[in-house]
Structure formats: structure tokens, C-alpha cells
Amino acid sequence: MPSTPDPQQIIALVVRQNTAGIEEPVSRILGFLQGSGYRVVFEADTAAHLGMPGVEPMSVADIGEQADLAVVMGGDGTMLGIARQLAKYDIPLIGINLGRLGFITDIPVDRMLPALGEILQGKATSEKRTLLEGRVMRGGEMIYCGVAVNDVVVARGSGAGMAELRVAVDGQFMYNQRSDGLIVSTPTGSTAYALSAGGPLLHPSLQGIVLVPIAPHALSNRPIAVPDTSEIVVEIVSGRDISVNFDMQTFASLQHGDEIVISRSPNSITFLHPEGWSYYHTLRAKLHWHEYPSHDGKLK
């Protein structure tokens, strides 16, 4: 009997909106992938924004259930947004950088076709990243639940005074903190807001969560890393206009006595990089570790 042919693999394209000249690189990727025998679909918002005919639009849920992998063209914000939505489906993600930093959308546009070709031929480095889940509890009932790739941030409003937060880890009291807020970060998020607030860099393979105070009143309140098996409870003791956000997606209507219960999400994200990719190379390139100021003060 003749063998049944393998089903055509589906690759989803997710593209950042409002990017000048994006049609040209998108067309190149479409031609490359379709010419290689893949069925290419657009994420629904991408399809509506680009208006390029002949490519099937697909909802995020359908992409999660049907696609074999997703290619994300944009900055890290674009990747964070789709990664949160696709995490429960365990679809590998490839990031093409159209932004400025590109810690997780790491493939430059001028290398995208060779890099995609290598990855699709199996010449890839695969890595998993953990996520955080945060539940807002009021009077013992959950009123909101969010997921974060980078961080969960509890912070005061821009015109308000300091917030007082009570923090406990695994049921053990850690401290009462007066500050502008608290960043609870994954290793992925340790190169984002947490880094700018003085937190440490955590290698993505570390099974940890870092807590970084934002402008604490007591300088002895320092960043601390805890196991990612921990349950962290942040209680709102006092302060005005306090909000919690998940990768900058905000839930704002917090009250005194509310608790944000933060733990590792049961889901994770898989990123695919070209073979030979190195986390340390990314740090050198993005943080300019290999550059030194010259006599005129410019980096070289």
C-alpha cells in the first residue's frame, strides 16, 4: 500500500503593527516559507493590519491548536504579548527583531532567512522560559488572574506617595516595605524593568524568581532571589492609586488588604534560536559589555 504523505506543517506569522515598510520583509518570509513547502497563516490581528491577500487569518486559539510553530516579527513587547497567549499550547516561538533591544526577539532582519532555514532544518538551539501567574485576592476570593513572561509589578500611582507592602514567601513573613513598588521577575524579566531597578541578571536556566524593590525608603531593602517553587504573597498595607501589572498589562483597582499571590505558571515557553546561539553573546551585544569608551567618550 502507498504510504500516507506527512501533513503540511503550519507556520504562523505574528507581526508588530504600525511598522513602516514591514510589508517587504513579510513578503520575503512568506515567499521563503511557502517555497519551502510550509502552509503559512497570519495571526488574525496581523492579517487585518497588513491587508495582504492570499494568506489565511487564524485566531490565537486556532494557532495554538493547529500550528507547528510561530514566527514573531517585532520587538520584545510583541513577543511578550503573543507568548502569554500561546504558552498553554506549548508552540515553539522564533523571534525576528524589529525593535531596539531584542533580548528575546534576537534574529536580525538581515539574517532572518538564513536563520529560519537553519532552524527549520533542525539546526536550532531550543530553550524553555518560565512564566509567572498572579492572582489578585480580595476577602479570600480571586477577582483577577494574570500571566507574565517578564514580571509582575506592584506600584504606586504617579502622583501618590510611597506604598507600604507586606511580603511573605511560602507562608513566612519576609518584610514590610515602604517604596514606590516591588518587581517580581522571572529570569527572562531580569534583563528588563528589574535590571533598571538594580536587580541581578538571572540566567534563563536558573529556577528562580527575583524580588526587586523600586526606590525603597530603607536602603537595606535589597533584591533577593527565591526558588521558583515559592509562593509569594504581596499585601497592600497602605498607599494610594496602587496597581499591579503583568508585563505592563495593568489591573488598577487595588484596595488596602488586597493580596497578590504570585507563583510559577504551570506553562512555559519554548524559544528556538539558530544553532550556536549564546545567552552570553546576547548580553554582550545588548548591554555593550564588549565596548569601551574612547577618549572622546564614545563607545568603540
C-alpha atoms as a PDB file:
ATOM      1  CA  MET A   1       0.000   0.000   0.000  1.00  0.00           C
ATOM      2  CA  PRO A   2       1.245   3.545  -0.739  1.00  0.00           C
ATOM      3  CA  SER A   3       2.393   5.468   2.317  1.00  0.00           C
ATOM      4  CA  THR A   4       0.316   8.372   3.572  1.00  0.00           C
ATOM      5  CA  PRO A   5       2.142  11.668   2.992  1.00  0.00           C
ATOM      6  CA  ASP A   6       3.046  13.744   6.021  1.00  0.00           C
ATOM      7  CA  PRO A   7       0.576  16.575   6.681  1.00  0.00           C
ATOM      8  CA  GLN A   8       1.749  20.007   5.620  1.00  0.00           C
ATOM      9  CA  GLN A   9       3.299  21.857   8.544  1.00  0.00           C
ATOM     10  CA  ILE A  10       1.691  25.155   9.550  1.00  0.00           C
ATOM     11  CA  ILE A  11       3.761  28.199  10.471  1.00  0.00           C
ATOM     12  CA  ALA A  12       2.002  31.228  11.939  1.00  0.00           C
ATOM     13  CA  LEU A  13       3.294  34.760  11.383  1.00  0.00           C
ATOM     14  CA  VAL A  14       2.720  37.383  14.077  1.00  0.00           C
ATOM     15  CA  VAL A  15       3.795  40.891  13.054  1.00  0.00           C
ATOM     16  CA  ARG A  16       4.012  44.083  15.087  1.00  0.00           C
ATOM     17  CA  GLN A  17       1.535  46.689  13.923  1.00  0.00           C
ATOM     18  CA  ASN A  18       2.341  50.204  12.713  1.00  0.00           C
ATOM     19  CA  THR A  19       5.834  49.339  11.486  1.00  0.00           C
ATOM     20  CA  ALA A  20       6.864  51.340   8.431  1.00  0.00           C
ATOM     21  CA  GLY A  21       7.958  49.250   5.475  1.00  0.00           C
ATOM     22  CA  ILE A  22       7.062  45.932   7.124  1.00  0.00           C
ATOM     23  CA  GLU A  23       5.367  44.565   4.003  1.00  0.00           C
ATOM     24  CA  GLU A  24       8.670  43.943   2.241  1.00  0.00           C
ATOM     25  CA  PRO A  25      10.293  41.657   4.873  1.00  0.00           C
ATOM     26  CA  VAL A  26       6.936  39.934   5.467  1.00  0.00           C
ATOM     27  CA  SER A  27       6.674  39.208   1.727  1.00  0.00           C
ATOM     28  CA  ARG A  28      10.190  37.788   1.744  1.00  0.00           C
ATOM     29  CA  ILE A  29       9.399  35.476   4.656  1.00  0.00           C
ATOM     30  CA  LEU A  30       6.129  34.389   3.016  1.00  0.00           C
ATOM     31  CA  GLY A  31       7.896  33.550  -0.218  1.00  0.00           C
ATOM     32  CA  PHE A  32      10.668  31.695   1.577  1.00  0.00           C
ATOM     33  CA  LEU A  33       8.356  29.592   3.771  1.00  0.00           C
ATOM     34  CA  GLN A  34       5.784  28.843   1.075  1.00  0.00           C
ATOM     35  CA  GLY A  35       8.570  27.992  -1.351  1.00  0.00           C
ATOM     36  CA  SER A  36       9.901  25.548   1.241  1.00  0.00           C
ATOM     37  CA  GLY A  37       6.551  23.743   1.344  1.00  0.00           C
ATOM     38  CA  TYR A  38       5.042  25.191   4.519  1.00  0.00           C
ATOM     39  CA  ARG A  39       1.477  26.414   4.935  1.00  0.00           C
ATOM     40  CA  VAL A  40       1.721  29.968   6.287  1.00  0.00           C
ATOM     41  CA  VAL A  41      -1.080  31.683   8.193  1.00  0.00           C
ATOM     42  CA  PHE A  42      -1.377  35.144   9.723  1.00  0.00           C
ATOM     43  CA  GLU A  43      -2.453  35.744  13.295  1.00  0.00           C
ATOM     44  CA  ALA A  44      -5.844  37.461  12.942  1.00  0.00           C
ATOM     45  CA  ASP A  45      -4.774  40.965  14.046  1.00  0.00           C
ATOM     46  CA  THR A  46      -1.719  40.735  11.805  1.00  0.00           C
ATOM     47  CA  ALA A  47      -3.907  39.809   8.827  1.00  0.00           C
ATOM     48  CA  ALA A  48      -6.302  42.713   9.494  1.00  0.00           C
ATOM     49  CA  HIS A  49      -3.469  45.206   9.816  1.00  0.00           C
ATOM     50  CA  LEU A  50      -1.397  44.104   6.823  1.00  0.00           C
ATOM     51  CA  GLY A  51      -4.267  43.511   4.420  1.00  0.00           C
ATOM     52  CA  MET A  52      -2.160  41.142   2.322  1.00  0.00           C
ATOM     53  CA  PRO A  53      -4.430  38.834   0.297  1.00  0.00           C
ATOM     54  CA  GLY A  54      -3.961  35.111  -0.143  1.00  0.00           C
ATOM     55  CA  VAL A  55      -2.845  34.269   3.405  1.00  0.00           C
ATOM     56  CA  GLU A  56      -5.343  32.668   5.751  1.00  0.00           C
ATOM     57  CA  PRO A  57      -6.031  34.536   9.017  1.00  0.00           C
ATOM     58  CA  MET A  58      -6.193  32.389  12.141  1.00  0.00           C
ATOM     59  CA  SER A  59      -7.155  33.166  15.737  1.00  0.00           C
ATOM     60  CA  VAL A  60      -4.605  32.719  18.514  1.00  0.00           C
ATOM     61  CA  ALA A  61      -6.575  29.741  19.827  1.00  0.00           C
ATOM     62  CA  ASP A  62      -6.573  28.076  16.391  1.00  0.00           C
ATOM     63  CA  ILE A  63      -2.862  28.785  16.006  1.00  0.00           C
ATOM     64  CA  GLY A  64      -2.310  27.137  19.375  1.00  0.00           C
ATOM     65  CA  GLU A  65      -4.240  24.055  18.357  1.00  0.00           C
ATOM     66  CA  GLN A  66      -3.068  23.697  14.759  1.00  0.00           C
ATOM     67  CA  ALA A  67       0.252  25.428  14.076  1.00  0.00           C
ATOM     68  CA  ASP A  68       3.631  23.752  14.438  1.00  0.00           C
ATOM     69  CA  LEU A  69       5.481  26.948  15.336  1.00  0.00           C
ATOM     70  CA  ALA A  70       5.097  30.728  15.265  1.00  0.00           C
ATOM     71  CA  VAL A  71       7.435  33.346  13.834  1.00  0.00           C
ATOM     72  CA  VAL A  72       7.149  36.694  15.630  1.00  0.00           C
ATOM     73  CA  MET A  73       8.333  39.854  13.861  1.00  0.00           C
ATOM     74  CA  GLY A  74       8.637  42.846  16.175  1.00  0.00           C
ATOM     75  CA  GLY A  75      10.239  43.864  19.422  1.00  0.00           C
ATOM     76  CA  ASP A  76      10.267  42.118  22.757  1.00  0.00           C
ATOM     77  CA  GLY A  77       6.853  43.639  23.557  1.00  0.00           C
ATOM     78  CA  THR A  78       5.305  41.897  20.548  1.00  0.00           C
ATOM     79  CA  MET A  79       6.857  38.622  21.653  1.00  0.00           C
ATOM     80  CA  LEU A  80       5.675  39.037  25.248  1.00  0.00           C
ATOM     81  CA  GLY A  81       2.104  39.631  24.116  1.00  0.00           C
ATOM     82  CA  ILE A  82       1.801  36.549  21.921  1.00  0.00           C
ATOM     83  CA  ALA A  83       3.908  34.352  24.218  1.00  0.00           C
ATOM     84  CA  ARG A  84       1.477  34.872  27.100  1.00  0.00           C
ATOM     85  CA  GLN A  85      -1.393  33.779  24.864  1.00  0.00           C
ATOM     86  CA  LEU A  86       0.351  30.757  23.319  1.00  0.00           C
ATOM     87  CA  ALA A  87       2.133  29.453  26.427  1.00  0.00           C
ATOM     88  CA  LYS A  88      -0.593  26.947  27.295  1.00  0.00           C
ATOM     89  CA  TYR A  89      -0.306  25.382  23.813  1.00  0.00           C
ATOM     90  CA  ASP A  90       3.466  24.753  24.005  1.00  0.00           C
ATOM     91  CA  ILE A  91       4.212  26.035  20.496  1.00  0.00           C
ATOM     92  CA  PRO A  92       7.850  26.952  19.762  1.00  0.00           C
ATOM     93  CA  LEU A  93       8.455  30.641  19.007  1.00  0.00           C
ATOM     94  CA  ILE A  94      11.060  32.255  16.751  1.00  0.00           C
ATOM     95  CA  GLY A  95      11.729  35.973  17.216  1.00  0.00           C
ATOM     96  CA  ILE A  96      12.818  38.369  14.450  1.00  0.00           C
ATOM     97  CA  ASN A  97      13.885  41.706  15.849  1.00  0.00           C
ATOM     98  CA  LEU A  98      12.267  44.882  14.552  1.00  0.00           C
ATOM     99  CA  GLY A  99      12.713  46.734  17.842  1.00  0.00           C
ATOM    100  CA  ARG A 100      15.636  48.312  19.664  1.00  0.00           C
ATOM    101  CA  LEU A 101      16.966  45.842  22.239  1.00  0.00           C
ATOM    102  CA  GLY A 102      15.700  42.431  21.218  1.00  0.00           C
ATOM    103  CA  PHE A 103      16.661  40.211  24.148  1.00  0.00           C
ATOM    104  CA  ILE A 104      14.050  37.602  23.155  1.00  0.00           C
ATOM    105  CA  THR A 105      13.388  38.637  19.540  1.00  0.00           C
ATOM    106  CA  ASP A 106      17.009  38.019  18.731  1.00  0.00           C
ATOM    107  CA  ILE A 107      17.297  37.343  14.973  1.00  0.00           C
ATOM    108  CA  PRO A 108      18.142  40.496  12.952  1.00  0.00           C
ATOM    109  CA  VAL A 109      16.123  41.168   9.797  1.00  0.00           C
ATOM    110  CA  ASP A 110      19.190  40.907   7.560  1.00  0.00           C
ATOM    111  CA  ARG A 111      19.787  37.372   8.876  1.00  0.00           C
ATOM    112  CA  MET A 112      16.189  36.190   9.060  1.00  0.00           C
ATOM    113  CA  LEU A 113      16.018  33.914   6.006  1.00  0.00           C
ATOM    114  CA  PRO A 114      19.307  32.044   6.608  1.00  0.00           C
ATOM    115  CA  ALA A 115      18.433  31.755  10.318  1.00  0.00           C
ATOM    116  CA  LEU A 116      14.931  30.447   9.581  1.00  0.00           C
ATOM    117  CA  GLY A 117      16.370  27.968   7.096  1.00  0.00           C
ATOM    118  CA  GLU A 118      18.799  26.623   9.677  1.00  0.00           C
ATOM    119  CA  ILE A 119      16.138  26.325  12.375  1.00  0.00           C
ATOM    120  CA  LEU A 120      13.654  24.577  10.077  1.00  0.00           C
ATOM    121  CA  GLN A 121      16.373  22.094   9.086  1.00  0.00           C
ATOM    122  CA  GLY A 122      16.761  21.195  12.748  1.00  0.00           C
ATOM    123  CA  LYS A 123      19.933  23.220  13.281  1.00  0.00           C
ATOM    124  CA  ALA A 124      18.475  25.013  16.263  1.00  0.00           C
ATOM    125  CA  THR A 125      19.077  25.723  19.918  1.00  0.00           C
ATOM    126  CA  SER A 126      15.905  25.218  21.964  1.00  0.00           C
ATOM    127  CA  GLU A 127      15.378  26.787  25.372  1.00  0.00           C
ATOM    128  CA  LYS A 128      12.456  26.921  27.771  1.00  0.00           C
ATOM    129  CA  ARG A 129      11.461  30.011  29.741  1.00  0.00           C
ATOM    130  CA  THR A 130       9.240  30.034  32.822  1.00  0.00           C
ATOM    131  CA  LEU A 131       6.276  32.350  33.380  1.00  0.00           C
ATOM    132  CA  LEU A 132       4.632  33.794  36.466  1.00  0.00           C
ATOM    133  CA  GLU A 133       0.989  33.643  37.399  1.00  0.00           C
ATOM    134  CA  GLY A 134      -0.514  36.271  39.695  1.00  0.00           C
ATOM    135  CA  ARG A 135      -3.902  36.149  41.390  1.00  0.00           C
ATOM    136  CA  VAL A 136      -5.468  39.230  42.974  1.00  0.00           C
ATOM    137  CA  MET A 137      -7.312  38.119  46.123  1.00  0.00           C
ATOM    138  CA  ARG A 138      -9.897  40.228  47.958  1.00  0.00           C
ATOM    139  CA  GLY A 139     -11.626  38.875  51.029  1.00  0.00           C
ATOM    140  CA  GLY A 140     -10.459  35.362  50.187  1.00  0.00           C
ATOM    141  CA  GLU A 141     -11.885  35.466  46.632  1.00  0.00           C
ATOM    142  CA  MET A 142      -9.933  35.768  43.392  1.00  0.00           C
ATOM    143  CA  ILE A 143     -11.001  38.867  41.448  1.00  0.00           C
ATOM    144  CA  TYR A 144      -8.319  38.775  38.736  1.00  0.00           C
ATOM    145  CA  CYS A 145      -5.667  36.431  37.361  1.00  0.00           C
ATOM    146  CA  GLY A 146      -2.823  37.362  35.025  1.00  0.00           C
ATOM    147  CA  VAL A 147       0.240  35.756  33.461  1.00  0.00           C
ATOM    148  CA  ALA A 148       3.653  37.359  32.902  1.00  0.00           C
ATOM    149  CA  VAL A 149       6.713  36.361  30.895  1.00  0.00           C
ATOM    150  CA  ASN A 150       8.842  39.157  32.369  1.00  0.00           C
ATOM    151  CA  ASP A 151       7.404  40.373  35.635  1.00  0.00           C
ATOM    152  CA  VAL A 152       4.546  41.124  37.964  1.00  0.00           C
ATOM    153  CA  VAL A 153       4.887  44.692  39.289  1.00  0.00           C
ATOM    154  CA  VAL A 154       3.019  46.230  42.201  1.00  0.00           C
ATOM    155  CA  ALA A 155       3.470  50.010  42.126  1.00  0.00           C
ATOM    156  CA  ARG A 156       2.076  53.296  43.394  1.00  0.00           C
ATOM    157  CA  GLY A 157       0.384  55.848  41.153  1.00  0.00           C
ATOM    158  CA  SER A 158       2.473  58.617  39.611  1.00  0.00           C
ATOM    159  CA  GLY A 159       1.030  61.318  41.872  1.00  0.00           C
ATOM    160  CA  ALA A 160       0.820  59.256  45.041  1.00  0.00           C
ATOM    161  CA  GLY A 161       3.179  58.863  47.990  1.00  0.00           C
ATOM    162  CA  MET A 162       5.021  55.689  48.916  1.00  0.00           C
ATOM    163  CA  ALA A 163       3.235  52.358  49.103  1.00  0.00           C
ATOM    164  CA  GLU A 164       3.578  50.028  52.063  1.00  0.00           C
ATOM    165  CA  LEU A 165       3.652  46.375  51.089  1.00  0.00           C
ATOM    166  CA  ARG A 166       3.748  43.293  53.279  1.00  0.00           C
ATOM    167  CA  VAL A 167       5.626  40.440  51.613  1.00  0.00           C
ATOM    168  CA  ALA A 168       5.544  36.772  52.597  1.00  0.00           C
ATOM    169  CA  VAL A 169       7.209  33.795  50.901  1.00  0.00           C
ATOM    170  CA  ASP A 170       5.808  30.277  51.376  1.00  0.00           C
ATOM    171  CA  GLY A 171       3.782  31.477  54.347  1.00  0.00           C
ATOM    172  CA  GLN A 172       6.791  33.044  56.078  1.00  0.00           C
ATOM    173  CA  PHE A 173       6.846  36.799  56.676  1.00  0.00           C
ATOM    174  CA  MET A 174       9.713  38.461  54.805  1.00  0.00           C
ATOM    175  CA  TYR A 175       9.278  42.215  55.411  1.00  0.00           C
ATOM    176  CA  ASN A 176       7.086  45.275  55.359  1.00  0.00           C
ATOM    177  CA  GLN A 177       8.459  47.548  52.685  1.00  0.00           C
ATOM    178  CA  ARG A 178       7.850  51.240  52.029  1.00  0.00           C
ATOM    179  CA  SER A 179       8.787  52.037  48.440  1.00  0.00           C
ATOM    180  CA  ASP A 180       7.482  53.037  45.039  1.00  0.00           C
ATOM    181  CA  GLY A 181       6.684  49.374  44.455  1.00  0.00           C
ATOM    182  CA  LEU A 182       8.005  45.860  44.003  1.00  0.00           C
ATOM    183  CA  ILE A 183       9.058  43.938  40.881  1.00  0.00           C
ATOM    184  CA  VAL A 184       8.652  40.155  40.966  1.00  0.00           C
ATOM    185  CA  SER A 185      10.582  38.878  37.973  1.00  0.00           C
ATOM    186  CA  THR A 186      11.355  35.707  36.054  1.00  0.00           C
ATOM    187  CA  PRO A 187      14.899  35.108  34.767  1.00  0.00           C
ATOM    188  CA  THR A 188      13.637  36.378  31.384  1.00  0.00           C
ATOM    189  CA  GLY A 189      12.471  39.610  33.026  1.00  0.00           C
ATOM    190  CA  SER A 190      15.773  40.079  34.840  1.00  0.00           C
ATOM    191  CA  THR A 191      17.074  41.937  31.750  1.00  0.00           C
ATOM    192  CA  ALA A 192      14.025  44.243  31.712  1.00  0.00           C
ATOM    193  CA  TYR A 193      12.492  46.513  34.395  1.00  0.00           C
ATOM    194  CA  ALA A 194      14.128  44.551  37.207  1.00  0.00           C
ATOM    195  CA  LEU A 195      17.577  45.313  35.786  1.00  0.00           C
ATOM    196  CA  SER A 196      16.879  49.043  35.578  1.00  0.00           C
ATOM    197  CA  ALA A 197      15.795  48.978  39.247  1.00  0.00           C
ATOM    198  CA  GLY A 198      19.109  47.424  40.314  1.00  0.00           C
ATOM    199  CA  GLY A 199      18.221  43.750  40.202  1.00  0.00           C
ATOM    200  CA  PRO A 200      20.624  40.950  39.231  1.00  0.00           C
ATOM    201  CA  LEU A 201      20.803  39.147  35.920  1.00  0.00           C
ATOM    202  CA  LEU A 202      19.456  35.594  36.210  1.00  0.00           C
ATOM    203  CA  HIS A 203      20.480  33.035  33.602  1.00  0.00           C
ATOM    204  CA  PRO A 204      17.307  31.690  31.905  1.00  0.00           C
ATOM    205  CA  SER A 205      18.068  28.133  33.061  1.00  0.00           C
ATOM    206  CA  LEU A 206      18.024  29.171  36.719  1.00  0.00           C
ATOM    207  CA  GLN A 207      14.922  28.062  38.581  1.00  0.00           C
ATOM    208  CA  GLY A 208      14.460  31.299  40.459  1.00  0.00           C
ATOM    209  CA  ILE A 209      12.283  34.360  40.968  1.00  0.00           C
ATOM    210  CA  VAL A 210      13.818  37.706  41.906  1.00  0.00           C
ATOM    211  CA  LEU A 211      12.127  40.365  44.059  1.00  0.00           C
ATOM    212  CA  VAL A 212      13.398  43.888  43.355  1.00  0.00           C
ATOM    213  CA  PRO A 213      12.180  46.903  45.378  1.00  0.00           C
ATOM    214  CA  ILE A 214      11.537  50.109  43.416  1.00  0.00           C
ATOM    215  CA  ALA A 215      13.153  53.095  45.140  1.00  0.00           C
ATOM    216  CA  PRO A 216      12.813  51.670  48.684  1.00  0.00           C
ATOM    217  CA  HIS A 217      12.660  54.056  51.645  1.00  0.00           C
ATOM    218  CA  ALA A 218      15.157  51.869  53.539  1.00  0.00           C
ATOM    219  CA  LEU A 219      18.331  51.280  51.547  1.00  0.00           C
ATOM    220  CA  SER A 220      18.697  47.939  53.321  1.00  0.00           C
ATOM    221  CA  ASN A 221      15.767  46.610  51.246  1.00  0.00           C
ATOM    222  CA  ARG A 222      17.815  44.818  48.589  1.00  0.00           C
ATOM    223  CA  PRO A 223      16.877  42.493  45.710  1.00  0.00           C
ATOM    224  CA  ILE A 224      16.530  38.846  46.701  1.00  0.00           C
ATOM    225  CA  ALA A 225      16.210  35.676  44.622  1.00  0.00           C
ATOM    226  CA  VAL A 226      13.974  32.849  45.822  1.00  0.00           C
ATOM    227  CA  PRO A 227      13.253  29.386  44.361  1.00  0.00           C
ATOM    228  CA  ASP A 228      10.672  29.366  41.590  1.00  0.00           C
ATOM    229  CA  THR A 229       8.722  26.806  43.596  1.00  0.00           C
ATOM    230  CA  SER A 230       7.878  29.628  46.025  1.00  0.00           C
ATOM    231  CA  GLU A 231       4.506  31.234  46.549  1.00  0.00           C
ATOM    232  CA  ILE A 232       4.934  34.972  47.074  1.00  0.00           C
ATOM    233  CA  VAL A 233       2.146  36.998  48.689  1.00  0.00           C
ATOM    234  CA  VAL A 234       2.221  40.803  48.408  1.00  0.00           C
ATOM    235  CA  GLU A 235      -0.381  42.528  50.594  1.00  0.00           C
ATOM    236  CA  ILE A 236      -1.360  46.165  50.095  1.00  0.00           C
ATOM    237  CA  VAL A 237      -0.984  47.743  53.559  1.00  0.00           C
ATOM    238  CA  SER A 238      -1.231  51.450  52.682  1.00  0.00           C
ATOM    239  CA  GLY A 239      -0.814  53.876  49.814  1.00  0.00           C
ATOM    240  CA  ARG A 240      -2.926  55.476  47.074  1.00  0.00           C
ATOM    241  CA  ASP A 241      -3.553  54.537  43.448  1.00  0.00           C
ATOM    242  CA  ILE A 242      -1.698  51.234  43.706  1.00  0.00           C
ATOM    243  CA  SER A 243      -1.858  48.928  40.706  1.00  0.00           C
ATOM    244  CA  VAL A 244      -0.483  45.563  39.674  1.00  0.00           C
ATOM    245  CA  ASN A 245       0.645  44.882  36.145  1.00  0.00           C
ATOM    246  CA  PHE A 246       1.640  41.772  34.251  1.00  0.00           C
ATOM    247  CA  ASP A 247       4.255  42.595  31.585  1.00  0.00           C
ATOM    248  CA  MET A 248       2.837  46.149  31.753  1.00  0.00           C
ATOM    249  CA  GLN A 249      -0.756  44.938  31.313  1.00  0.00           C
ATOM    250  CA  THR A 250      -2.401  46.710  34.237  1.00  0.00           C
ATOM    251  CA  PHE A 251      -5.076  45.837  36.780  1.00  0.00           C
ATOM    252  CA  ALA A 252      -5.523  49.104  38.642  1.00  0.00           C
ATOM    253  CA  SER A 253      -8.352  48.943  41.159  1.00  0.00           C
ATOM    254  CA  LEU A 254      -6.451  47.619  44.183  1.00  0.00           C
ATOM    255  CA  GLN A 255      -7.588  48.280  47.751  1.00  0.00           C
ATOM    256  CA  HIS A 256      -5.903  48.090  51.131  1.00  0.00           C
ATOM    257  CA  GLY A 257      -5.921  44.478  52.273  1.00  0.00           C
ATOM    258  CA  ASP A 258      -5.813  43.063  48.751  1.00  0.00           C
ATOM    259  CA  GLU A 259      -3.245  40.325  48.215  1.00  0.00           C
ATOM    260  CA  ILE A 260      -1.386  39.451  45.025  1.00  0.00           C
ATOM    261  CA  VAL A 261      -0.437  35.775  45.148  1.00  0.00           C
ATOM    262  CA  ILE A 262       2.421  35.085  42.720  1.00  0.00           C
ATOM    263  CA  SER A 263       3.797  31.689  41.709  1.00  0.00           C
ATOM    264  CA  ARG A 264       5.395  29.960  38.740  1.00  0.00           C
ATOM    265  CA  SER A 265       2.904  29.268  35.968  1.00  0.00           C
ATOM    266  CA  PRO A 266       2.347  25.609  35.053  1.00  0.00           C
ATOM    267  CA  ASN A 267       3.073  26.612  31.449  1.00  0.00           C
ATOM    268  CA  SER A 268       6.389  27.538  29.858  1.00  0.00           C
ATOM    269  CA  ILE A 269       7.588  28.998  26.566  1.00  0.00           C
ATOM    270  CA  THR A 270       9.976  27.398  24.097  1.00  0.00           C
ATOM    271  CA  PHE A 271      12.185  29.723  22.052  1.00  0.00           C
ATOM    272  CA  LEU A 272      14.087  28.457  19.020  1.00  0.00           C
ATOM    273  CA  HIS A 273      17.385  30.122  18.149  1.00  0.00           C
ATOM    274  CA  PRO A 274      19.892  29.460  15.360  1.00  0.00           C
ATOM    275  CA  GLU A 275      22.448  26.781  16.171  1.00  0.00           C
ATOM    276  CA  GLY A 276      25.297  28.201  18.211  1.00  0.00           C
ATOM    277  CA  TRP A 277      23.138  30.867  19.865  1.00  0.00           C
ATOM    278  CA  SER A 278      24.578  32.028  23.185  1.00  0.00           C
ATOM    279  CA  TYR A 279      22.868  33.880  26.034  1.00  0.00           C
ATOM    280  CA  TYR A 280      26.187  35.495  26.879  1.00  0.00           C
ATOM    281  CA  HIS A 281      26.610  36.735  23.321  1.00  0.00           C
ATOM    282  CA  THR A 282      23.172  38.344  23.617  1.00  0.00           C
ATOM    283  CA  LEU A 283      24.207  40.082  26.843  1.00  0.00           C
ATOM    284  CA  ARG A 284      27.437  41.325  25.283  1.00  0.00           C
ATOM    285  CA  ALA A 285      25.610  42.667  22.245  1.00  0.00           C
ATOM    286  CA  LYS A 286      22.664  44.266  24.058  1.00  0.00           C
ATOM    287  CA  LEU A 287      24.471  45.574  27.151  1.00  0.00           C
ATOM    288  CA  HIS A 288      27.641  46.594  25.270  1.00  0.00           C
ATOM    289  CA  TRP A 289      29.889  44.547  27.543  1.00  0.00           C
ATOM    290  CA  HIS A 290      32.487  44.294  24.795  1.00  0.00           C
ATOM    291  CA  GLU A 291      32.728  48.027  24.194  1.00  0.00           C
ATOM    292  CA  TYR A 292      34.911  50.579  25.957  1.00  0.00           C
ATOM    293  CA  PRO A 293      34.705  54.366  25.976  1.00  0.00           C
ATOM    294  CA  SER A 294      37.292  56.070  23.835  1.00  0.00           C
ATOM    295  CA  HIS A 295      38.993  59.341  24.742  1.00  0.00           C
ATOM    296  CA  ASP A 296      36.090  61.315  23.237  1.00  0.00           C
ATOM    297  CA  GLY A 297      33.604  59.447  25.450  1.00  0.00           C
ATOM    298  CA  LYS A 298      32.055  57.410  22.635  1.00  0.00           C
ATOM    299  CA  LEU A 299      31.753  53.639  22.768  1.00  0.00           C
ATOM    300  CA  LYS A 300      34.031  51.687  20.491  1.00  0.00           C
END
